[in-house]
């Protein structure tokens, strides 16, 4: 083991990979998803097909659906930025539950 440590480098090389740009409504590119959704809304391939809402369907076992509902509930609350004061505060999605298959549409 000591032989392995003798040949080990004492320096560490690091590099920063820049955040990718994400596309939002109007084909606006932003690094931060909270900022992009708040400022421009969801992305659509063409402005003609762009809608101000995101429709979400959940299919799966009851336990997975419950976890997904919990996640959606968390996304409806405000999330303050951590460590970056210039990043937008996420105000949360406005959830309007709906069902077309007779299932209970609320998230509670």
N, C-alpha and C. Protein backbone atom coordinates (compact mmCIF):
# COMPACT_ATOMS: atom_id res chain seq x y z
N UNK A 1 0.83 -1.19 0.00
CA UNK A 1 0.00 0.00 0.00
C UNK A 1 0.87 1.25 0.00
N UNK A 2 1.93 1.25 0.78
CA UNK A 2 2.83 2.41 0.84
C UNK A 2 3.44 2.68 -0.53
N UNK A 3 3.73 1.62 -1.29
CA UNK A 3 4.29 1.80 -2.64
C UNK A 3 3.32 2.54 -3.55
N UNK A 4 2.03 2.27 -3.40
CA UNK A 4 1.03 2.95 -4.22
C UNK A 4 0.98 4.44 -3.89
N UNK A 5 1.07 4.77 -2.63
CA UNK A 5 1.01 6.16 -2.22
C UNK A 5 2.25 6.95 -2.63
N UNK A 6 3.40 6.30 -2.71
CA UNK A 6 4.63 6.99 -3.11
C UNK A 6 4.52 7.50 -4.54
N UNK A 7 3.84 6.77 -5.41
CA UNK A 7 3.72 7.18 -6.80
C UNK A 7 2.52 8.08 -7.08
N UNK A 8 1.75 8.38 -6.06
CA UNK A 8 0.55 9.18 -6.27
C UNK A 8 0.90 10.65 -6.46
N UNK A 9 0.10 11.33 -7.27
CA UNK A 9 0.29 12.75 -7.52
C UNK A 9 -0.19 13.56 -6.32
N UNK A 10 0.47 14.66 -6.04
CA UNK A 10 0.07 15.51 -4.93
C UNK A 10 -0.74 16.71 -5.40
N UNK A 11 -1.05 16.76 -6.70
CA UNK A 11 -1.85 17.86 -7.23
C UNK A 11 -3.17 17.32 -7.76
N UNK A 12 -4.13 18.19 -7.77
CA UNK A 12 -5.46 17.84 -8.28
C UNK A 12 -5.85 18.87 -9.32
N UNK A 13 -6.17 18.39 -10.48
CA UNK A 13 -6.57 19.28 -11.57
C UNK A 13 -8.09 19.31 -11.65
N UNK A 14 -8.66 20.51 -11.64
CA UNK A 14 -10.11 20.67 -11.71
C UNK A 14 -10.48 21.62 -12.82
N UNK A 15 -11.66 21.44 -13.35
CA UNK A 15 -12.16 22.38 -14.35
C UNK A 15 -13.65 22.57 -14.14
N UNK A 16 -14.14 23.70 -14.57
CA UNK A 16 -15.55 24.04 -14.41
C UNK A 16 -16.26 23.81 -15.74
N UNK A 17 -17.31 23.03 -15.70
CA UNK A 17 -18.12 22.80 -16.89
C UNK A 17 -19.26 23.80 -16.83
N UNK A 18 -19.39 24.66 -17.84
CA UNK A 18 -20.45 25.67 -17.78
C UNK A 18 -21.84 25.04 -17.84
N UNK A 19 -22.79 25.72 -17.18
CA UNK A 19 -24.17 25.25 -17.21
C UNK A 19 -24.69 25.31 -18.64
N UNK A 20 -25.45 24.32 -19.07
CA UNK A 20 -26.02 24.39 -20.42
C UNK A 20 -27.15 25.40 -20.47
N UNK A 21 -27.36 25.98 -21.61
CA UNK A 21 -28.50 26.89 -21.78
C UNK A 21 -29.74 26.06 -22.07
N UNK A 22 -30.83 26.37 -21.40
CA UNK A 22 -32.10 25.68 -21.57
C UNK A 22 -33.03 26.61 -22.35
N UNK A 23 -33.85 26.03 -23.23
CA UNK A 23 -34.78 26.84 -24.02
C UNK A 23 -36.14 26.92 -23.36
N UNK A 24 -36.72 28.14 -23.41
CA UNK A 24 -38.04 28.39 -22.84
C UNK A 24 -38.90 29.08 -23.89
N UNK A 25 -40.07 29.54 -23.51
CA UNK A 25 -40.98 30.18 -24.44
C UNK A 25 -40.30 31.26 -25.27
N UNK A 26 -40.70 31.36 -26.55
CA UNK A 26 -40.10 32.34 -27.44
C UNK A 26 -38.67 31.99 -27.81
N UNK A 27 -38.28 30.74 -27.55
CA UNK A 27 -36.92 30.25 -27.81
C UNK A 27 -35.85 31.05 -27.07
N UNK A 28 -36.19 31.57 -25.89
CA UNK A 28 -35.24 32.28 -25.05
C UNK A 28 -34.38 31.27 -24.30
N UNK A 29 -33.08 31.47 -24.32
CA UNK A 29 -32.14 30.56 -23.67
C UNK A 29 -31.67 31.13 -22.34
N UNK A 30 -31.78 30.31 -21.28
CA UNK A 30 -31.40 30.72 -19.93
C UNK A 30 -30.78 29.52 -19.23
N UNK A 31 -29.79 29.76 -18.35
CA UNK A 31 -29.18 28.67 -17.60
C UNK A 31 -30.09 28.12 -16.51
N UNK A 32 -30.77 29.01 -15.80
CA UNK A 32 -31.55 28.61 -14.63
C UNK A 32 -33.00 28.29 -15.01
N UNK A 33 -33.47 27.07 -14.71
CA UNK A 33 -34.84 26.71 -15.08
C UNK A 33 -35.90 27.54 -14.37
N UNK A 34 -35.65 27.96 -13.12
CA UNK A 34 -36.63 28.79 -12.41
C UNK A 34 -36.77 30.14 -13.10
N UNK A 35 -35.66 30.73 -13.49
CA UNK A 35 -35.68 32.01 -14.17
C UNK A 35 -36.38 31.89 -15.53
N UNK A 36 -36.04 30.87 -16.28
CA UNK A 36 -36.61 30.68 -17.61
C UNK A 36 -38.11 30.47 -17.58
N UNK A 37 -38.58 29.61 -16.68
CA UNK A 37 -40.02 29.36 -16.59
C UNK A 37 -40.77 30.59 -16.11
N UNK A 38 -40.20 31.30 -15.15
CA UNK A 38 -40.85 32.49 -14.62
C UNK A 38 -40.92 33.60 -15.68
N UNK A 39 -39.83 33.81 -16.39
CA UNK A 39 -39.76 34.92 -17.34
C UNK A 39 -40.43 34.62 -18.68
N UNK A 40 -40.29 33.37 -19.18
CA UNK A 40 -40.71 33.07 -20.54
C UNK A 40 -41.73 31.95 -20.68
N UNK A 41 -41.96 31.19 -19.62
CA UNK A 41 -42.88 30.07 -19.71
C UNK A 41 -42.24 28.86 -20.38
N UNK A 42 -43.00 27.77 -20.51
CA UNK A 42 -42.45 26.54 -21.08
C UNK A 42 -42.12 26.68 -22.56
N UNK A 43 -41.16 25.89 -23.00
CA UNK A 43 -40.73 25.87 -24.40
C UNK A 43 -41.75 25.17 -25.28
N UNK A 44 -41.87 25.64 -26.49
CA UNK A 44 -42.66 24.96 -27.51
C UNK A 44 -41.90 25.09 -28.82
N UNK A 45 -42.01 24.08 -29.68
CA UNK A 45 -41.29 24.08 -30.93
C UNK A 45 -41.62 25.30 -31.79
N UNK A 46 -42.86 25.72 -31.76
CA UNK A 46 -43.27 26.91 -32.50
C UNK A 46 -44.13 27.77 -31.58
N UNK A 47 -44.12 29.06 -31.81
CA UNK A 47 -44.94 29.96 -30.99
C UNK A 47 -46.42 29.66 -31.16
N UNK A 48 -46.79 29.14 -32.33
CA UNK A 48 -48.20 28.81 -32.57
C UNK A 48 -48.69 27.68 -31.67
N UNK A 49 -47.80 26.78 -31.28
CA UNK A 49 -48.19 25.65 -30.43
C UNK A 49 -47.90 25.91 -28.95
N UNK A 50 -47.30 27.04 -28.64
CA UNK A 50 -46.94 27.34 -27.25
C UNK A 50 -48.19 27.58 -26.41
N UNK A 51 -48.23 26.95 -25.26
CA UNK A 51 -49.34 27.11 -24.32
C UNK A 51 -48.78 27.63 -23.00
N UNK A 52 -49.57 28.40 -22.26
CA UNK A 52 -49.08 28.94 -20.98
C UNK A 52 -49.12 27.91 -19.86
N UNK A 53 -49.52 26.69 -20.15
CA UNK A 53 -49.62 25.66 -19.11
C UNK A 53 -48.82 24.43 -19.52
N UNK A 54 -48.47 23.65 -18.53
CA UNK A 54 -47.83 22.35 -18.75
C UNK A 54 -48.81 21.31 -18.24
N UNK A 55 -49.21 20.40 -19.11
CA UNK A 55 -50.13 19.33 -18.69
C UNK A 55 -49.30 18.15 -18.22
N UNK A 56 -49.72 17.58 -17.13
CA UNK A 56 -48.98 16.49 -16.52
C UNK A 56 -49.91 15.31 -16.29
N UNK A 57 -49.53 14.17 -16.79
CA UNK A 57 -50.28 12.95 -16.55
C UNK A 57 -49.40 11.98 -15.78
N UNK A 58 -49.97 11.28 -14.83
CA UNK A 58 -49.22 10.34 -14.02
C UNK A 58 -49.84 8.96 -14.17
N UNK A 59 -49.02 8.02 -14.58
CA UNK A 59 -49.47 6.63 -14.73
C UNK A 59 -48.48 5.75 -13.97
N UNK A 60 -49.00 4.84 -13.17
CA UNK A 60 -48.10 3.95 -12.46
C UNK A 60 -48.78 3.33 -11.26
N UNK A 61 -48.02 2.57 -10.49
CA UNK A 61 -48.55 1.97 -9.27
C UNK A 61 -48.94 3.06 -8.27
N UNK A 62 -49.85 2.75 -7.37
CA UNK A 62 -50.37 3.72 -6.40
C UNK A 62 -49.25 4.42 -5.63
N UNK A 63 -48.24 3.68 -5.21
CA UNK A 63 -47.14 4.28 -4.44
C UNK A 63 -46.38 5.31 -5.28
N UNK A 64 -46.13 5.01 -6.55
CA UNK A 64 -45.43 5.95 -7.43
C UNK A 64 -46.29 7.18 -7.69
N UNK A 65 -47.59 6.99 -7.86
CA UNK A 65 -48.49 8.12 -8.07
C UNK A 65 -48.51 9.02 -6.84
N UNK A 66 -48.53 8.43 -5.65
CA UNK A 66 -48.50 9.22 -4.42
C UNK A 66 -47.21 10.03 -4.33
N UNK A 67 -46.07 9.42 -4.69
CA UNK A 67 -44.79 10.15 -4.66
C UNK A 67 -44.80 11.29 -5.68
N UNK A 68 -45.36 11.04 -6.86
CA UNK A 68 -45.44 12.08 -7.89
C UNK A 68 -46.33 13.23 -7.42
N UNK A 69 -47.45 12.91 -6.79
CA UNK A 69 -48.34 13.96 -6.26
C UNK A 69 -47.62 14.80 -5.22
N UNK A 70 -46.86 14.15 -4.35
CA UNK A 70 -46.09 14.87 -3.34
C UNK A 70 -45.09 15.81 -4.00
N UNK A 71 -44.43 15.36 -5.05
CA UNK A 71 -43.48 16.20 -5.77
C UNK A 71 -44.19 17.40 -6.40
N UNK A 72 -45.32 17.17 -7.03
CA UNK A 72 -46.08 18.27 -7.65
C UNK A 72 -46.52 19.27 -6.58
N UNK A 73 -46.96 18.77 -5.43
CA UNK A 73 -47.35 19.67 -4.34
C UNK A 73 -46.17 20.54 -3.91
N UNK A 74 -44.97 19.94 -3.83
CA UNK A 74 -43.79 20.70 -3.43
C UNK A 74 -43.45 21.77 -4.47
N UNK A 75 -43.72 21.48 -5.74
CA UNK A 75 -43.41 22.44 -6.80
C UNK A 75 -44.39 23.60 -6.85
N UNK A 76 -45.46 23.53 -6.06
CA UNK A 76 -46.42 24.65 -6.02
C UNK A 76 -46.04 25.67 -4.95
N UNK A 77 -45.01 25.39 -4.18
CA UNK A 77 -44.59 26.30 -3.12
C UNK A 77 -43.36 27.09 -3.55
N UNK A 78 -43.11 28.19 -2.90
CA UNK A 78 -41.97 29.04 -3.19
C UNK A 78 -40.67 28.36 -2.78
N UNK A 79 -39.64 28.52 -3.61
CA UNK A 79 -38.32 27.98 -3.31
C UNK A 79 -37.32 29.12 -3.42
N UNK A 80 -36.75 29.58 -2.29
CA UNK A 80 -35.79 30.68 -2.36
C UNK A 80 -34.46 30.20 -2.95
N UNK A 81 -33.72 31.10 -3.61
CA UNK A 81 -32.42 30.70 -4.14
C UNK A 81 -31.45 30.42 -3.01
N UNK A 82 -30.53 29.47 -3.23
CA UNK A 82 -29.53 29.14 -2.22
C UNK A 82 -28.15 29.55 -2.73
N UNK A 83 -27.52 30.48 -2.04
CA UNK A 83 -26.15 30.83 -2.36
C UNK A 83 -25.98 31.73 -3.58
N UNK A 84 -27.03 32.00 -4.31
CA UNK A 84 -26.93 32.84 -5.50
C UNK A 84 -28.03 33.90 -5.45
N UNK A 85 -27.74 35.06 -4.91
CA UNK A 85 -28.79 36.07 -4.74
C UNK A 85 -29.35 36.61 -6.05
N UNK A 86 -28.64 36.41 -7.17
CA UNK A 86 -29.12 36.92 -8.45
C UNK A 86 -30.08 35.96 -9.15
N UNK A 87 -30.25 34.77 -8.62
CA UNK A 87 -31.15 33.79 -9.21
C UNK A 87 -32.58 34.08 -8.74
N UNK A 88 -33.53 33.92 -9.64
CA UNK A 88 -34.93 34.21 -9.33
C UNK A 88 -35.47 33.29 -8.23
N UNK A 89 -36.37 33.83 -7.43
CA UNK A 89 -37.09 33.02 -6.46
C UNK A 89 -38.16 32.23 -7.23
N UNK A 90 -38.21 30.94 -7.03
CA UNK A 90 -39.24 30.13 -7.68
C UNK A 90 -40.53 30.31 -6.91
N UNK A 91 -41.54 30.86 -7.55
CA UNK A 91 -42.81 31.13 -6.87
C UNK A 91 -43.74 29.93 -6.90
N UNK A 92 -43.37 28.90 -7.63
CA UNK A 92 -44.16 27.67 -7.68
C UNK A 92 -45.11 27.64 -8.84
N UNK A 93 -45.43 26.43 -9.27
CA UNK A 93 -46.42 26.24 -10.32
C UNK A 93 -47.81 26.48 -9.75
N UNK A 94 -48.69 27.01 -10.55
CA UNK A 94 -50.10 27.09 -10.17
C UNK A 94 -50.74 25.80 -10.66
N UNK A 95 -51.25 25.00 -9.76
CA UNK A 95 -51.80 23.70 -10.12
C UNK A 95 -53.30 23.78 -10.24
N UNK A 96 -53.80 23.35 -11.37
CA UNK A 96 -55.23 23.26 -11.60
C UNK A 96 -55.54 21.82 -11.96
N UNK A 97 -55.73 20.96 -10.97
CA UNK A 97 -55.96 19.55 -11.24
C UNK A 97 -57.20 19.33 -12.09
N UNK A 98 -57.09 18.39 -13.00
CA UNK A 98 -58.24 18.02 -13.80
C UNK A 98 -58.13 16.55 -14.17
N UNK A 99 -59.24 15.96 -14.44
CA UNK A 99 -59.27 14.53 -14.78
C UNK A 99 -60.28 14.32 -15.88
N UNK A 100 -59.93 13.46 -16.83
CA UNK A 100 -60.87 13.12 -17.89
C UNK A 100 -61.24 11.65 -17.84
N UNK A 101 -60.75 10.95 -16.82
CA UNK A 101 -61.01 9.52 -16.76
C UNK A 101 -61.79 9.11 -15.51
N UNK A 102 -62.41 10.07 -14.83
CA UNK A 102 -63.20 9.75 -13.65
C UNK A 102 -62.39 9.57 -12.38
N UNK A 103 -61.05 9.68 -12.47
CA UNK A 103 -60.21 9.54 -11.28
C UNK A 103 -60.31 10.82 -10.45
N UNK A 104 -60.00 10.71 -9.18
CA UNK A 104 -60.02 11.86 -8.29
C UNK A 104 -58.98 12.89 -8.77
N UNK A 105 -59.40 14.11 -9.13
CA UNK A 105 -58.47 15.06 -9.73
C UNK A 105 -57.65 15.89 -8.75
N UNK A 106 -57.97 15.89 -7.47
CA UNK A 106 -57.22 16.76 -6.57
C UNK A 106 -55.90 16.12 -6.16
N UNK A 107 -54.98 16.93 -5.68
CA UNK A 107 -53.64 16.46 -5.31
C UNK A 107 -53.50 16.18 -3.83
N UNK A 108 -54.58 16.18 -3.08
CA UNK A 108 -54.46 15.98 -1.64
C UNK A 108 -54.46 14.50 -1.31
